[in-house]
Amino acid sequence: MNSKGTLLLNRSEIASLLGVEECIGAVEQAFRLHGEGKTVPPGILGVYAQDGGFHIKAGMLQLGRSYFAAKVNANFPQNAKRFALPLIQGIIVLCDGENGYPLALMDSMEITIIRTGAATGLAAKYLARTDAKVATICGCGNQGRISLKALAHVRCLSLAYAFDIDEERARRFAKELSKETGIEVIAIRDLAKAVKESDVCVTCTPAKRYFLNREFVSSGTFIAAVGADNEEKQELDPALMVSNKVIADSLEQCAAIGELHHAIEQGLVTKAEAHAELAEVITGKKVGRASDDEIIIFDSTGTALQDVAAAAIVYERAMSAGMGIRLNLGE
């Protein structure tokens, strides 16, 4: 393959090049570098549109070579009904961090799903109880699927509950993921009962009103709150953020658009009361789980460093495999 030009990669190609296990390792490296002060602070920009909006996340990492990535994602909740299009669509531009050359243009969907699931698995590795065996997945779409697979890489799960407002989707999820993971997965309607019996709970929905109540959660539970990535989205009772250990992927982002944002807005906590960023836990600057009784919440808004780490793997593997289409954008 000609080494010149910009590589164009579609979603199916990316899916064949990136798995959740290696993505957990790549995302861990990104968070570690950030915790060691070896990264440029990532940036985020939100632009609202009628019935939806766009967000742009950009970051840079030194991964043997310097990579810069910018992701532009569109989020339009009514797309399926109105246009038969996905809720989220977008692209990632990967550039050489030393000279700015555009190395690749990639569909962002698969990378976003996998790197987000990888962050959930990574957080569980550091923050869930070591004996965690039961999980509840709230939201049985693609993100729920990859979340369960990521959890299975870091904890020996024996049972998972699947919850979705679309009960048929929860049943399909349970049937398919039982086969794919070897874990017993059961579709449930009673979320309170399932969460009370769980060691881990992942929320990955587009909800705009919280559904995970404080009284549902037992001591020792690890919660990965994934769905809230703008000011309007919310999955967790803000009371959960009070007197429990909150770990942010990015404290500034979580205070602006995550679950933490809602608790701050209601005057229940301050940004300073969040315990740590995940990068601080990974590098040992802050303690993660200190006892088996703690409820720990990972506020996951998604950072550009995760996108850079995942996109770099995809690009390097595509180059080695001779995949993708070459474009010369300067012609």
C-alpha atoms as a PDB file:
ATOM      1  CA  MET A   1       0.000   0.000   0.000  1.00  0.00           C
ATOM      2  CA  ASN A   2       1.181   3.491  -0.807  1.00  0.00           C
ATOM      3  CA  SER A   3       2.193   5.126   2.487  1.00  0.00           C
ATOM      4  CA  LYS A   4       1.133   8.549   1.203  1.00  0.00           C
ATOM      5  CA  GLY A   5      -2.406   9.849   1.353  1.00  0.00           C
ATOM      6  CA  THR A   6      -5.158   9.816   3.941  1.00  0.00           C
ATOM      7  CA  LEU A   7      -6.637   6.460   4.910  1.00  0.00           C
ATOM      8  CA  LEU A   8     -10.435   6.167   4.777  1.00  0.00           C
ATOM      9  CA  LEU A   9     -11.928   3.497   7.075  1.00  0.00           C
ATOM     10  CA  ASN A  10     -15.587   2.536   7.440  1.00  0.00           C
ATOM     11  CA  ARG A  11     -17.352   1.100  10.465  1.00  0.00           C
ATOM     12  CA  SER A  12     -17.130  -2.571   9.502  1.00  0.00           C
ATOM     13  CA  GLU A  13     -13.393  -2.270   8.863  1.00  0.00           C
ATOM     14  CA  ILE A  14     -12.909  -0.642  12.252  1.00  0.00           C
ATOM     15  CA  ALA A  15     -14.926  -3.383  13.966  1.00  0.00           C
ATOM     16  CA  SER A  16     -12.613  -5.995  12.455  1.00  0.00           C
ATOM     17  CA  LEU A  17      -9.516  -4.137  13.693  1.00  0.00           C
ATOM     18  CA  LEU A  18     -10.453  -3.155  17.261  1.00  0.00           C
ATOM     19  CA  GLY A  19     -11.475  -5.446  20.106  1.00  0.00           C
ATOM     20  CA  VAL A  20     -12.516  -4.455  23.602  1.00  0.00           C
ATOM     21  CA  GLU A  21      -9.679  -6.269  25.396  1.00  0.00           C
ATOM     22  CA  GLU A  22      -6.836  -4.452  23.630  1.00  0.00           C
ATOM     23  CA  CYS A  23      -8.839  -1.227  23.785  1.00  0.00           C
ATOM     24  CA  ILE A  24      -8.966  -1.521  27.593  1.00  0.00           C
ATOM     25  CA  GLY A  25      -5.164  -1.645  27.569  1.00  0.00           C
ATOM     26  CA  ALA A  26      -4.895   1.327  25.204  1.00  0.00           C
ATOM     27  CA  VAL A  27      -7.350   3.422  27.225  1.00  0.00           C
ATOM     28  CA  GLU A  28      -5.496   2.527  30.419  1.00  0.00           C
ATOM     29  CA  GLN A  29      -2.261   3.783  28.863  1.00  0.00           C
ATOM     30  CA  ALA A  30      -3.980   7.023  27.861  1.00  0.00           C
ATOM     31  CA  PHE A  31      -5.318   7.626  31.365  1.00  0.00           C
ATOM     32  CA  ARG A  32      -1.930   6.746  32.866  1.00  0.00           C
ATOM     33  CA  LEU A  33      -0.113   9.227  30.631  1.00  0.00           C
ATOM     34  CA  HIS A  34      -2.665  11.864  31.572  1.00  0.00           C
ATOM     35  CA  GLY A  35      -2.224  11.099  35.268  1.00  0.00           C
ATOM     36  CA  GLU A  36       1.528  11.448  34.883  1.00  0.00           C
ATOM     37  CA  GLY A  37       1.134  14.868  33.309  1.00  0.00           C
ATOM     38  CA  LYS A  38       2.371  13.684  29.919  1.00  0.00           C
ATOM     39  CA  THR A  39      -0.584  14.800  27.810  1.00  0.00           C
ATOM     40  CA  VAL A  40      -1.858  18.053  26.401  1.00  0.00           C
ATOM     41  CA  PRO A  41      -5.210  18.866  28.077  1.00  0.00           C
ATOM     42  CA  PRO A  42      -7.985  17.556  25.795  1.00  0.00           C
ATOM     43  CA  GLY A  43     -10.664  19.922  24.490  1.00  0.00           C
ATOM     44  CA  ILE A  44     -14.438  19.709  24.028  1.00  0.00           C
ATOM     45  CA  LEU A  45     -16.990  21.879  22.244  1.00  0.00           C
ATOM     46  CA  GLY A  46     -20.767  21.507  22.067  1.00  0.00           C
ATOM     47  CA  VAL A  47     -22.956  23.051  19.379  1.00  0.00           C
ATOM     48  CA  TYR A  48     -26.734  22.825  19.666  1.00  0.00           C
ATOM     49  CA  ALA A  49     -29.062  22.286  16.706  1.00  0.00           C
ATOM     50  CA  GLN A  50     -32.803  21.892  16.351  1.00  0.00           C
ATOM     51  CA  ASP A  51     -33.773  18.489  17.819  1.00  0.00           C
ATOM     52  CA  GLY A  52     -30.175  17.550  18.517  1.00  0.00           C
ATOM     53  CA  GLY A  53     -26.624  18.786  18.531  1.00  0.00           C
ATOM     54  CA  PHE A  54     -22.967  18.221  17.804  1.00  0.00           C
ATOM     55  CA  HIS A  55     -19.996  17.744  20.065  1.00  0.00           C
ATOM     56  CA  ILE A  56     -16.354  17.955  19.116  1.00  0.00           C
ATOM     57  CA  LYS A  57     -13.644  16.329  21.222  1.00  0.00           C
ATOM     58  CA  ALA A  58      -9.937  16.731  20.482  1.00  0.00           C
ATOM     59  CA  GLY A  59      -6.753  15.437  22.095  1.00  0.00           C
ATOM     60  CA  MET A  60      -3.170  14.374  21.560  1.00  0.00           C
ATOM     61  CA  LEU A  61      -1.067  11.450  22.807  1.00  0.00           C
ATOM     62  CA  GLN A  62       2.536  10.344  22.454  1.00  0.00           C
ATOM     63  CA  LEU A  63       2.260   6.636  21.635  1.00  0.00           C
ATOM     64  CA  GLY A  64       5.647   5.859  20.158  1.00  0.00           C
ATOM     65  CA  ARG A  65       4.746   8.564  17.657  1.00  0.00           C
ATOM     66  CA  SER A  66       2.630  11.636  18.252  1.00  0.00           C
ATOM     67  CA  TYR A  67      -1.052  11.376  17.330  1.00  0.00           C
ATOM     68  CA  PHE A  68      -3.747  14.053  17.308  1.00  0.00           C
ATOM     69  CA  ALA A  69      -7.408  13.151  16.918  1.00  0.00           C
ATOM     70  CA  ALA A  70     -10.569  15.222  16.640  1.00  0.00           C
ATOM     71  CA  LYS A  71     -13.983  13.571  16.763  1.00  0.00           C
ATOM     72  CA  VAL A  72     -17.144  15.243  15.489  1.00  0.00           C
ATOM     73  CA  ASN A  73     -20.276  13.426  16.645  1.00  0.00           C
ATOM     74  CA  ALA A  74     -23.852  14.360  15.847  1.00  0.00           C
ATOM     75  CA  ASN A  75     -26.551  13.357  18.353  1.00  0.00           C
ATOM     76  CA  PHE A  76     -30.154  13.491  17.111  1.00  0.00           C
ATOM     77  CA  PRO A  77     -32.514  11.384  19.289  1.00  0.00           C
ATOM     78  CA  GLN A  78     -35.385  11.426  16.767  1.00  0.00           C
ATOM     79  CA  ASN A  79     -33.303  10.167  13.843  1.00  0.00           C
ATOM     80  CA  ALA A  80     -34.656   6.624  13.852  1.00  0.00           C
ATOM     81  CA  LYS A  81     -38.285   7.735  13.651  1.00  0.00           C
ATOM     82  CA  ARG A  82     -37.803  10.677  11.315  1.00  0.00           C
ATOM     83  CA  PHE A  83     -35.025   9.631   8.953  1.00  0.00           C
ATOM     84  CA  ALA A  84     -34.233   5.941   9.623  1.00  0.00           C
ATOM     85  CA  LEU A  85     -30.761   7.031  10.717  1.00  0.00           C
ATOM     86  CA  PRO A  86     -28.711   6.222  13.850  1.00  0.00           C
ATOM     87  CA  LEU A  87     -29.056   8.449  16.896  1.00  0.00           C
ATOM     88  CA  ILE A  88     -25.297   9.118  16.827  1.00  0.00           C
ATOM     89  CA  GLN A  89     -23.184   9.607  13.692  1.00  0.00           C
ATOM     90  CA  GLY A  90     -19.760  11.099  13.174  1.00  0.00           C
ATOM     91  CA  ILE A  91     -16.159  10.967  12.044  1.00  0.00           C
ATOM     92  CA  ILE A  92     -12.706  10.950  13.586  1.00  0.00           C
ATOM     93  CA  VAL A  93      -9.790  12.752  11.968  1.00  0.00           C
ATOM     94  CA  LEU A  94      -6.431  11.272  13.004  1.00  0.00           C
ATOM     95  CA  CYS A  95      -3.358  13.397  12.312  1.00  0.00           C
ATOM     96  CA  ASP A  96       0.376  13.151  12.728  1.00  0.00           C
ATOM     97  CA  GLY A  97       1.045  15.168  15.878  1.00  0.00           C
ATOM     98  CA  GLU A  98       4.468  16.285  14.633  1.00  0.00           C
ATOM     99  CA  ASN A  99       3.572  17.742  11.252  1.00  0.00           C
ATOM    100  CA  GLY A 100      -0.252  17.831  11.164  1.00  0.00           C
ATOM    101  CA  TYR A 101      -0.650  15.475   8.195  1.00  0.00           C
ATOM    102  CA  PRO A 102      -4.177  13.924   8.119  1.00  0.00           C
ATOM    103  CA  LEU A 103      -3.397  10.235   8.469  1.00  0.00           C
ATOM    104  CA  ALA A 104      -6.945   8.885   8.486  1.00  0.00           C
ATOM    105  CA  LEU A 105     -10.655   9.646   8.347  1.00  0.00           C
ATOM    106  CA  MET A 106     -12.702   7.104  10.293  1.00  0.00           C
ATOM    107  CA  ASP A 107     -16.323   6.464  11.095  1.00  0.00           C
ATOM    108  CA  SER A 108     -16.658   7.319  14.780  1.00  0.00           C
ATOM    109  CA  MET A 109     -19.479   4.987  15.825  1.00  0.00           C
ATOM    110  CA  GLU A 110     -17.533   1.801  16.469  1.00  0.00           C
ATOM    111  CA  ILE A 111     -14.612   3.580  18.106  1.00  0.00           C
ATOM    112  CA  THR A 112     -16.947   5.543  20.396  1.00  0.00           C
ATOM    113  CA  ILE A 113     -18.803   2.401  21.472  1.00  0.00           C
ATOM    114  CA  ILE A 114     -15.688   0.302  22.062  1.00  0.00           C
ATOM    115  CA  ARG A 115     -13.576   2.951  23.789  1.00  0.00           C
ATOM    116  CA  THR A 116     -16.503   3.861  26.060  1.00  0.00           C
ATOM    117  CA  GLY A 117     -16.994   0.215  26.991  1.00  0.00           C
ATOM    118  CA  ALA A 118     -13.255  -0.095  27.510  1.00  0.00           C
ATOM    119  CA  ALA A 119     -13.338   2.804  29.976  1.00  0.00           C
ATOM    120  CA  THR A 120     -16.166   1.071  31.858  1.00  0.00           C
ATOM    121  CA  GLY A 121     -14.132  -2.129  32.064  1.00  0.00           C
ATOM    122  CA  LEU A 122     -11.027  -0.210  33.081  1.00  0.00           C
ATOM    123  CA  ALA A 123     -12.869   1.641  35.830  1.00  0.00           C
ATOM    124  CA  ALA A 124     -14.331  -1.643  37.081  1.00  0.00           C
ATOM    125  CA  LYS A 125     -10.828  -3.134  37.165  1.00  0.00           C
ATOM    126  CA  TYR A 126      -9.742  -0.452  39.626  1.00  0.00           C
ATOM    127  CA  LEU A 127     -12.993   0.317  41.458  1.00  0.00           C
ATOM    128  CA  ALA A 128     -15.303  -2.720  41.554  1.00  0.00           C
ATOM    129  CA  ARG A 129     -14.951  -5.252  44.357  1.00  0.00           C
ATOM    130  CA  THR A 130     -12.571  -8.037  43.378  1.00  0.00           C
ATOM    131  CA  ASP A 131     -15.268 -10.625  44.146  1.00  0.00           C
ATOM    132  CA  ALA A 132     -17.918  -8.919  41.969  1.00  0.00           C
ATOM    133  CA  LYS A 133     -20.006 -11.577  40.209  1.00  0.00           C
ATOM    134  CA  VAL A 134     -23.387 -10.023  39.400  1.00  0.00           C
ATOM    135  CA  ALA A 135     -23.993  -7.059  37.080  1.00  0.00           C
ATOM    136  CA  THR A 136     -26.991  -5.080  35.895  1.00  0.00           C
ATOM    137  CA  ILE A 137     -26.879  -3.444  32.473  1.00  0.00           C
ATOM    138  CA  CYS A 138     -29.364  -0.599  32.003  1.00  0.00           C
ATOM    139  CA  GLY A 139     -29.762   0.040  28.298  1.00  0.00           C
ATOM    140  CA  CYS A 140     -29.572  -2.933  25.926  1.00  0.00           C
ATOM    141  CA  GLY A 141     -28.201  -1.236  22.817  1.00  0.00           C
ATOM    142  CA  ASN A 142     -24.691  -1.472  21.395  1.00  0.00           C
ATOM    143  CA  GLN A 143     -23.167   0.301  24.387  1.00  0.00           C
ATOM    144  CA  GLY A 144     -24.781  -2.150  26.796  1.00  0.00           C
ATOM    145  CA  ARG A 145     -23.403  -5.051  24.796  1.00  0.00           C
ATOM    146  CA  ILE A 146     -19.826  -3.834  24.791  1.00  0.00           C
ATOM    147  CA  SER A 147     -20.100  -2.813  28.460  1.00  0.00           C
ATOM    148  CA  LEU A 148     -20.960  -6.353  29.531  1.00  0.00           C
ATOM    149  CA  LYS A 149     -18.161  -7.788  27.400  1.00  0.00           C
ATOM    150  CA  ALA A 150     -15.692  -5.316  28.917  1.00  0.00           C
ATOM    151  CA  LEU A 151     -16.801  -6.184  32.453  1.00  0.00           C
ATOM    152  CA  ALA A 152     -16.316  -9.863  31.662  1.00  0.00           C
ATOM    153  CA  HIS A 153     -12.651  -9.168  30.866  1.00  0.00           C
ATOM    154  CA  VAL A 154     -11.923  -7.717  34.309  1.00  0.00           C
ATOM    155  CA  ARG A 155     -14.262  -9.593  36.671  1.00  0.00           C
ATOM    156  CA  CYS A 156     -15.514 -13.202  36.836  1.00  0.00           C
ATOM    157  CA  LEU A 157     -19.196 -12.530  36.300  1.00  0.00           C
ATOM    158  CA  SER A 158     -21.640 -15.391  36.703  1.00  0.00           C
ATOM    159  CA  LEU A 159     -24.907 -13.497  36.260  1.00  0.00           C
ATOM    160  CA  ALA A 160     -26.083 -10.318  34.528  1.00  0.00           C
ATOM    161  CA  TYR A 161     -29.470  -8.641  34.500  1.00  0.00           C
ATOM    162  CA  ALA A 162     -30.592  -6.781  31.369  1.00  0.00           C
ATOM    163  CA  PHE A 163     -32.979  -3.831  31.685  1.00  0.00           C
ATOM    164  CA  ASP A 164     -34.446  -1.676  28.934  1.00  0.00           C
ATOM    165  CA  ILE A 165     -37.666   0.287  28.483  1.00  0.00           C
ATOM    166  CA  ASP A 166     -38.051  -1.817  25.310  1.00  0.00           C
ATOM    167  CA  GLU A 167     -38.648  -5.210  26.911  1.00  0.00           C
ATOM    168  CA  GLU A 168     -38.226  -7.117  23.660  1.00  0.00           C
ATOM    169  CA  ARG A 169     -34.791  -5.576  23.177  1.00  0.00           C
ATOM    170  CA  ALA A 170     -33.843  -6.663  26.702  1.00  0.00           C
ATOM    171  CA  ARG A 171     -34.942 -10.223  25.911  1.00  0.00           C
ATOM    172  CA  ARG A 172     -32.897 -10.280  22.689  1.00  0.00           C
ATOM    173  CA  PHE A 173     -29.924  -8.877  24.572  1.00  0.00           C
ATOM    174  CA  ALA A 174     -30.199 -11.587  27.233  1.00  0.00           C
ATOM    175  CA  LYS A 175     -30.427 -14.390  24.689  1.00  0.00           C
ATOM    176  CA  GLU A 176     -27.580 -13.167  22.482  1.00  0.00           C
ATOM    177  CA  LEU A 177     -25.180 -12.088  25.230  1.00  0.00           C
ATOM    178  CA  SER A 178     -25.661 -15.337  27.142  1.00  0.00           C
ATOM    179  CA  LYS A 179     -24.352 -17.154  24.065  1.00  0.00           C
ATOM    180  CA  GLU A 180     -21.583 -14.664  23.316  1.00  0.00           C
ATOM    181  CA  THR A 181     -20.166 -14.338  26.838  1.00  0.00           C
ATOM    182  CA  GLY A 182     -21.049 -17.606  28.569  1.00  0.00           C
ATOM    183  CA  ILE A 183     -22.591 -15.541  31.372  1.00  0.00           C
ATOM    184  CA  GLU A 184     -26.186 -16.192  32.415  1.00  0.00           C
ATOM    185  CA  VAL A 185     -28.032 -13.054  31.280  1.00  0.00           C
ATOM    186  CA  ILE A 186     -31.638 -12.522  32.381  1.00  0.00           C
ATOM    187  CA  ALA A 187     -33.997  -9.841  31.065  1.00  0.00           C
ATOM    188  CA  ILE A 188     -35.782  -8.127  33.971  1.00  0.00           C
ATOM    189  CA  ARG A 189     -38.533  -5.591  34.587  1.00  0.00           C
ATOM    190  CA  ASP A 190     -37.884  -4.929  38.291  1.00  0.00           C
ATOM    191  CA  LEU A 191     -34.800  -2.709  38.165  1.00  0.00           C
ATOM    192  CA  ALA A 192     -34.764  -2.054  41.915  1.00  0.00           C
ATOM    193  CA  LYS A 193     -34.570  -5.764  42.759  1.00  0.00           C
ATOM    194  CA  ALA A 194     -31.872  -6.437  40.156  1.00  0.00           C
ATOM    195  CA  VAL A 195     -29.637  -3.558  41.238  1.00  0.00           C
ATOM    196  CA  LYS A 196     -29.962  -4.489  44.916  1.00  0.00           C
ATOM    197  CA  GLU A 197     -28.641  -7.940  44.040  1.00  0.00           C
ATOM    198  CA  SER A 198     -25.816  -6.598  41.848  1.00  0.00           C
ATOM    199  CA  ASP A 199     -22.169  -5.833  42.543  1.00  0.00           C
ATOM    200  CA  VAL A 200     -21.854  -3.715  39.388  1.00  0.00           C
ATOM    201  CA  CYS A 201     -24.394  -1.539  37.581  1.00  0.00           C
ATOM    202  CA  VAL A 202     -23.839   0.128  34.214  1.00  0.00           C
ATOM    203  CA  THR A 203     -26.237   2.795  32.941  1.00  0.00           C
ATOM    204  CA  CYS A 204     -25.907   3.502  29.216  1.00  0.00           C
ATOM    205  CA  THR A 205     -29.131   5.073  28.004  1.00  0.00           C
ATOM    206  CA  PRO A 206     -30.218   8.393  26.425  1.00  0.00           C
ATOM    207  CA  ALA A 207     -32.427   9.161  29.464  1.00  0.00           C
ATOM    208  CA  LYS A 208     -33.126  12.767  30.382  1.00  0.00           C
ATOM    209  CA  ARG A 209     -34.683  11.950  33.761  1.00  0.00           C
ATOM    210  CA  TYR A 210     -32.949   9.754  36.311  1.00  0.00           C
ATOM    211  CA  PHE A 211     -34.196   6.202  36.859  1.00  0.00           C
ATOM    212  CA  LEU A 212     -31.516   4.735  39.163  1.00  0.00           C
ATOM    213  CA  ASN A 213     -32.723   5.723  42.627  1.00  0.00           C
ATOM    214  CA  ARG A 214     -30.481   5.932  45.672  1.00  0.00           C
ATOM    215  CA  GLU A 215     -32.511   3.322  47.545  1.00  0.00           C
ATOM    216  CA  PHE A 216     -31.926   0.744  44.785  1.00  0.00           C
ATOM    217  CA  VAL A 217     -28.182   0.603  45.447  1.00  0.00           C
ATOM    218  CA  SER A 218     -26.612  -1.699  48.036  1.00  0.00           C
ATOM    219  CA  SER A 219     -23.357  -1.028  49.851  1.00  0.00           C
ATOM    220  CA  GLY A 220     -20.280  -2.130  47.941  1.00  0.00           C
ATOM    221  CA  THR A 221     -21.788  -1.507  44.502  1.00  0.00           C
ATOM    222  CA  PHE A 222     -19.753  -0.058  41.643  1.00  0.00           C
ATOM    223  CA  ILE A 223     -21.782   2.106  39.241  1.00  0.00           C
ATOM    224  CA  ALA A 224     -20.558   3.151  35.814  1.00  0.00           C
ATOM    225  CA  ALA A 225     -22.716   6.075  34.652  1.00  0.00           C
ATOM    226  CA  VAL A 226     -22.157   6.260  30.910  1.00  0.00           C
ATOM    227  CA  GLY A 227     -25.192   7.891  29.323  1.00  0.00           C
ATOM    228  CA  ALA A 228     -24.877  11.500  30.468  1.00  0.00           C
ATOM    229  CA  ASP A 229     -22.639  13.257  27.940  1.00  0.00           C
ATOM    230  CA  ASN A 230     -24.487  16.548  27.734  1.00  0.00           C
ATOM    231  CA  GLU A 231     -26.277  18.830  30.178  1.00  0.00           C
ATOM    232  CA  GLU A 232     -29.725  17.402  29.432  1.00  0.00           C
ATOM    233  CA  LYS A 233     -28.986  13.709  29.910  1.00  0.00           C
ATOM    234  CA  GLN A 234     -29.346  12.115  33.355  1.00  0.00           C
ATOM    235  CA  GLU A 235     -29.546   8.535  34.639  1.00  0.00           C
ATOM    236  CA  LEU A 236     -28.619   8.684  38.346  1.00  0.00           C
ATOM    237  CA  ASP A 237     -30.498  10.095  41.310  1.00  0.00           C
ATOM    238  CA  PRO A 238     -28.360  13.123  42.296  1.00  0.00           C
ATOM    239  CA  ALA A 239     -28.573  11.882  45.902  1.00  0.00           C
ATOM    240  CA  LEU A 240     -26.218   9.067  44.869  1.00  0.00           C
ATOM    241  CA  MET A 241     -23.466  11.634  44.419  1.00  0.00           C
ATOM    242  CA  VAL A 242     -23.742  12.658  48.080  1.00  0.00           C
ATOM    243  CA  SER A 243     -21.549  10.834  50.617  1.00  0.00           C
ATOM    244  CA  ASN A 244     -20.446   8.246  48.027  1.00  0.00           C
ATOM    245  CA  LYS A 245     -17.105   8.155  46.245  1.00  0.00           C
ATOM    246  CA  VAL A 246     -17.302   9.829  42.825  1.00  0.00           C
ATOM    247  CA  ILE A 247     -14.546   9.144  40.298  1.00  0.00           C
ATOM    248  CA  ALA A 248     -14.635  11.243  37.113  1.00  0.00           C
ATOM    249  CA  ASP A 249     -13.074  10.469  33.772  1.00  0.00           C
ATOM    250  CA  SER A 250     -12.561  14.231  33.444  1.00  0.00           C
ATOM    251  CA  LEU A 251     -13.556  16.347  36.428  1.00  0.00           C
ATOM    252  CA  GLU A 252     -14.129  19.484  34.369  1.00  0.00           C
ATOM    253  CA  GLN A 253     -16.308  17.622  31.858  1.00  0.00           C
ATOM    254  CA  CYS A 254     -18.296  15.790  34.513  1.00  0.00           C
ATOM    255  CA  ALA A 255     -18.953  19.024  36.386  1.00  0.00           C
ATOM    256  CA  ALA A 256     -20.206  20.570  33.135  1.00  0.00           C
ATOM    257  CA  ILE A 257     -22.133  17.750  31.417  1.00  0.00           C
ATOM    258  CA  GLY A 258     -22.035  14.553  33.507  1.00  0.00           C
ATOM    259  CA  GLU A 259     -24.008  13.144  36.425  1.00  0.00           C
ATOM    260  CA  LEU A 260     -21.901  15.303  38.731  1.00  0.00           C
ATOM    261  CA  HIS A 261     -23.264  18.357  36.923  1.00  0.00           C
ATOM    262  CA  HIS A 262     -26.826  17.619  38.088  1.00  0.00           C
ATOM    263  CA  ALA A 263     -25.797  17.195  41.727  1.00  0.00           C
ATOM    264  CA  ILE A 264     -23.811  20.431  41.588  1.00  0.00           C
ATOM    265  CA  GLU A 265     -26.698  22.251  39.933  1.00  0.00           C
ATOM    266  CA  GLN A 266     -29.012  21.173  42.773  1.00  0.00           C
ATOM    267  CA  GLY A 267     -26.525  22.328  45.394  1.00  0.00           C
ATOM    268  CA  LEU A 268     -26.011  18.818  46.761  1.00  0.00           C
ATOM    269  CA  VAL A 269     -22.232  18.686  46.206  1.00  0.00           C
ATOM    270  CA  THR A 270     -19.409  20.821  44.874  1.00  0.00           C
ATOM    271  CA  LYS A 271     -16.875  19.942  42.208  1.00  0.00           C
ATOM    272  CA  ALA A 272     -14.203  19.838  44.909  1.00  0.00           C
ATOM    273  CA  GLU A 273     -16.091  17.050  46.695  1.00  0.00           C
ATOM    274  CA  ALA A 274     -15.559  14.604  43.841  1.00  0.00           C
ATOM    275  CA  HIS A 275     -12.977  12.132  45.090  1.00  0.00           C
ATOM    276  CA  ALA A 276     -10.676  11.821  42.081  1.00  0.00           C
ATOM    277  CA  GLU A 277     -10.217  11.427  38.366  1.00  0.00           C
ATOM    278  CA  LEU A 278      -9.686   7.885  37.114  1.00  0.00           C
ATOM    279  CA  ALA A 279      -6.182   8.846  35.956  1.00  0.00           C
ATOM    280  CA  GLU A 280      -5.268   9.715  39.554  1.00  0.00           C
ATOM    281  CA  VAL A 281      -6.428   6.316  40.762  1.00  0.00           C
ATOM    282  CA  ILE A 282      -4.545   4.482  38.017  1.00  0.00           C
ATOM    283  CA  THR A 283      -1.301   6.310  38.809  1.00  0.00           C
ATOM    284  CA  GLY A 284      -1.721   5.822  42.565  1.00  0.00           C
ATOM    285  CA  LYS A 285      -2.114   9.506  43.350  1.00  0.00           C
ATOM    286  CA  LYS A 286      -5.547   8.847  44.887  1.00  0.00           C
ATOM    287  CA  VAL A 287      -6.964   5.748  46.543  1.00  0.00           C
ATOM    288  CA  GLY A 288      -9.703   3.965  44.629  1.00  0.00           C
ATOM    289  CA  ARG A 289     -11.744   1.453  46.594  1.00  0.00           C
ATOM    290  CA  ALA A 290     -10.807   1.599  50.272  1.00  0.00           C
ATOM    291  CA  SER A 291     -13.377  -0.915  51.561  1.00  0.00           C
ATOM    292  CA  ASP A 292     -15.857  -3.509  50.315  1.00  0.00           C
ATOM    293  CA  ASP A 293     -18.742  -1.437  51.670  1.00  0.00           C
ATOM    294  CA  GLU A 294     -18.180   1.701  49.602  1.00  0.00           C
ATOM    295  CA  ILE A 295     -20.527   2.701  46.814  1.00  0.00           C
ATOM    296  CA  ILE A 296     -18.304   4.050  44.042  1.00  0.00           C
ATOM    297  CA  ILE A 297     -19.610   5.933  41.017  1.00  0.00           C
ATOM    298  CA  PHE A 298     -17.621   6.324  37.810  1.00  0.00           C
ATOM    299  CA  ASP A 299     -18.935   9.395  35.988  1.00  0.00           C
ATOM    300  CA  SER A 300     -18.036   8.608  32.370  1.00  0.00           C
ATOM    301  CA  THR A 301     -18.533  11.479  29.928  1.00  0.00           C
ATOM    302  CA  GLY A 302     -15.951  10.239  27.431  1.00  0.00           C
ATOM    303  CA  THR A 303     -12.648  11.969  26.752  1.00  0.00           C
ATOM    304  CA  ALA A 304     -10.765  12.704  23.572  1.00  0.00           C
ATOM    305  CA  LEU A 305      -7.747  10.809  24.910  1.00  0.00           C
ATOM    306  CA  GLN A 306      -9.802   7.612  24.681  1.00  0.00           C
ATOM    307  CA  ASP A 307     -10.562   8.422  21.035  1.00  0.00           C
ATOM    308  CA  VAL A 308      -6.892   9.054  20.235  1.00  0.00           C
ATOM    309  CA  ALA A 309      -5.783   5.799  21.860  1.00  0.00           C
ATOM    310  CA  ALA A 310      -8.414   3.735  20.028  1.00  0.00           C
ATOM    311  CA  ALA A 311      -7.960   5.479  16.671  1.00  0.00           C
ATOM    312  CA  ALA A 312      -4.196   4.943  16.821  1.00  0.00           C
ATOM    313  CA  ILE A 313      -4.678   1.176  17.222  1.00  0.00           C
ATOM    314  CA  VAL A 314      -7.095   1.100  14.295  1.00  0.00           C
ATOM    315  CA  TYR A 315      -4.785   3.131  12.052  1.00  0.00           C
ATOM    316  CA  GLU A 316      -1.667   1.088  12.800  1.00  0.00           C
ATOM    317  CA  ARG A 317      -3.479  -2.209  12.299  1.00  0.00           C
ATOM    318  CA  ALA A 318      -5.085  -0.998   9.067  1.00  0.00           C
ATOM    319  CA  MET A 319      -1.689   0.033   7.752  1.00  0.00           C
ATOM    320  CA  SER A 320      -0.210  -3.368   8.597  1.00  0.00           C
ATOM    321  CA  ALA A 321      -3.144  -5.211   7.014  1.00  0.00           C
ATOM    322  CA  GLY A 322      -3.335  -2.999   3.911  1.00  0.00           C
ATOM    323  CA  MET A 323      -6.944  -2.094   4.631  1.00  0.00           C
ATOM    324  CA  GLY A 324      -8.905   1.031   3.743  1.00  0.00           C
ATOM    325  CA  ILE A 325      -8.980   3.412   0.815  1.00  0.00           C
ATOM    326  CA  ARG A 326      -6.271   5.988   0.162  1.00  0.00           C
ATOM    327  CA  LEU A 327      -7.241   9.584  -0.598  1.00  0.00           C
ATOM    328  CA  ASN A 328      -4.943  12.418  -1.543  1.00  0.00           C
ATOM    329  CA  LEU A 329      -6.786  15.377  -0.102  1.00  0.00           C
ATOM    330  CA  GLY A 330      -4.199  17.860  -1.358  1.00  0.00           C
ATOM    331  CA  GLU A 331      -4.740  17.146  -5.060  1.00  0.00           C
END
